[in-house]
């Protein structure tokens, strides 16, 4: 499997702004206690799905796919209202 040295979780509310407003009103954001590993696992699952449906012709393509997977995961993470299935 490939390393994930370039993957960095965003801070709560970072991408798309505002995320976590309701949790802040409750006195805390569940995202603050979430370790990076579950998010990394989700990025890897998204990557595997993308590889099944999109052509990958080399390391550059793989890096682009990784960027896409990270952006998808960040949007889901930012929009999530609870930890749910993580």
Protein backbone atom coordinates (compact mmCIF):
# COMPACT_ATOMS: atom_id res chain seq x y z
CA UNK A 1 0.00 0.00 0.00
CA UNK A 2 1.15 3.55 -0.50
CA UNK A 3 2.22 5.95 2.26
CA UNK A 4 0.00 8.80 3.30
CA UNK A 5 2.63 11.41 4.13
CA UNK A 6 0.82 14.14 2.19
CA UNK A 7 -2.53 13.62 3.88
CA UNK A 8 -3.37 16.22 6.50
CA UNK A 9 -6.72 16.46 8.28
CA UNK A 10 -8.31 19.88 8.24
CA UNK A 11 -9.12 21.70 11.41
CA UNK A 12 -12.79 21.66 12.43
CA UNK A 13 -14.70 24.20 10.40
CA UNK A 14 -11.66 24.76 8.15
CA UNK A 15 -12.85 23.73 4.70
CA UNK A 16 -15.98 25.46 3.49
CA UNK A 17 -16.02 27.63 6.58
CA UNK A 18 -18.53 27.61 9.36
CA UNK A 19 -18.74 23.82 9.91
CA UNK A 20 -19.31 22.84 13.50
CA UNK A 21 -21.37 25.87 14.52
CA UNK A 22 -24.11 23.74 16.08
CA UNK A 23 -21.55 21.63 17.97
CA UNK A 24 -19.87 24.79 19.26
CA UNK A 25 -23.20 25.86 20.72
CA UNK A 26 -23.38 22.53 22.57
CA UNK A 27 -20.05 23.26 24.26
CA UNK A 28 -17.74 21.11 22.10
CA UNK A 29 -17.04 19.77 18.66
CA UNK A 30 -16.88 15.96 18.25
CA UNK A 31 -14.30 16.51 15.50
CA UNK A 32 -11.73 17.76 18.02
CA UNK A 33 -11.51 14.29 19.61
CA UNK A 34 -11.40 12.34 16.32
CA UNK A 35 -7.94 10.88 15.60
CA UNK A 36 -6.49 11.10 12.08
CA UNK A 37 -6.54 7.33 11.46
CA UNK A 38 -10.29 6.95 10.78
CA UNK A 39 -10.14 9.83 8.31
CA UNK A 40 -7.11 8.31 6.62
CA UNK A 41 -8.95 4.98 6.30
CA UNK A 42 -11.87 6.75 4.65
CA UNK A 43 -9.54 8.54 2.21
CA UNK A 44 -8.02 5.14 1.32
CA UNK A 45 -11.48 3.64 0.72
CA UNK A 46 -12.42 6.57 -1.51
CA UNK A 47 -9.10 6.10 -3.38
CA UNK A 48 -9.82 2.40 -3.99
CA UNK A 49 -13.28 3.24 -5.34
CA UNK A 50 -11.92 5.97 -7.60
CA UNK A 51 -9.22 3.62 -8.95
CA UNK A 52 -11.91 1.11 -9.93
CA UNK A 53 -13.77 3.73 -11.96
CA UNK A 54 -11.08 6.08 -13.28
CA UNK A 55 -7.97 5.35 -15.34
CA UNK A 56 -4.66 5.62 -13.46
CA UNK A 57 -1.65 5.78 -15.77
CA UNK A 58 1.20 6.61 -13.41
CA UNK A 59 2.35 8.30 -10.22
CA UNK A 60 0.99 11.70 -11.31
CA UNK A 61 -2.46 10.23 -11.88
CA UNK A 62 -2.32 8.52 -8.51
CA UNK A 63 -1.41 11.80 -6.78
CA UNK A 64 -4.33 13.56 -8.51
CA UNK A 65 -6.66 10.77 -7.40
CA UNK A 66 -5.34 11.17 -3.84
CA UNK A 67 -6.06 14.92 -3.94
CA UNK A 68 -9.59 14.23 -5.15
CA UNK A 69 -10.15 11.61 -2.41
CA UNK A 70 -8.89 14.01 0.27
CA UNK A 71 -11.20 16.78 -0.96
CA UNK A 72 -14.20 14.41 -0.97
CA UNK A 73 -13.39 13.26 2.57
CA UNK A 74 -12.94 16.85 3.77
CA UNK A 75 -16.34 17.84 2.40
CA UNK A 76 -18.00 14.87 4.09
CA UNK A 77 -16.14 15.56 7.35
CA UNK A 78 -17.07 19.23 7.32
CA UNK A 79 -20.74 18.52 6.54
CA UNK A 80 -21.09 15.73 9.13
CA UNK A 81 -23.25 16.50 12.14
CA UNK A 82 -21.98 13.55 14.20
CA UNK A 83 -19.30 10.89 14.15
CA UNK A 84 -21.74 8.32 12.77
CA UNK A 85 -20.04 5.42 10.96
CA UNK A 86 -16.43 6.54 11.36
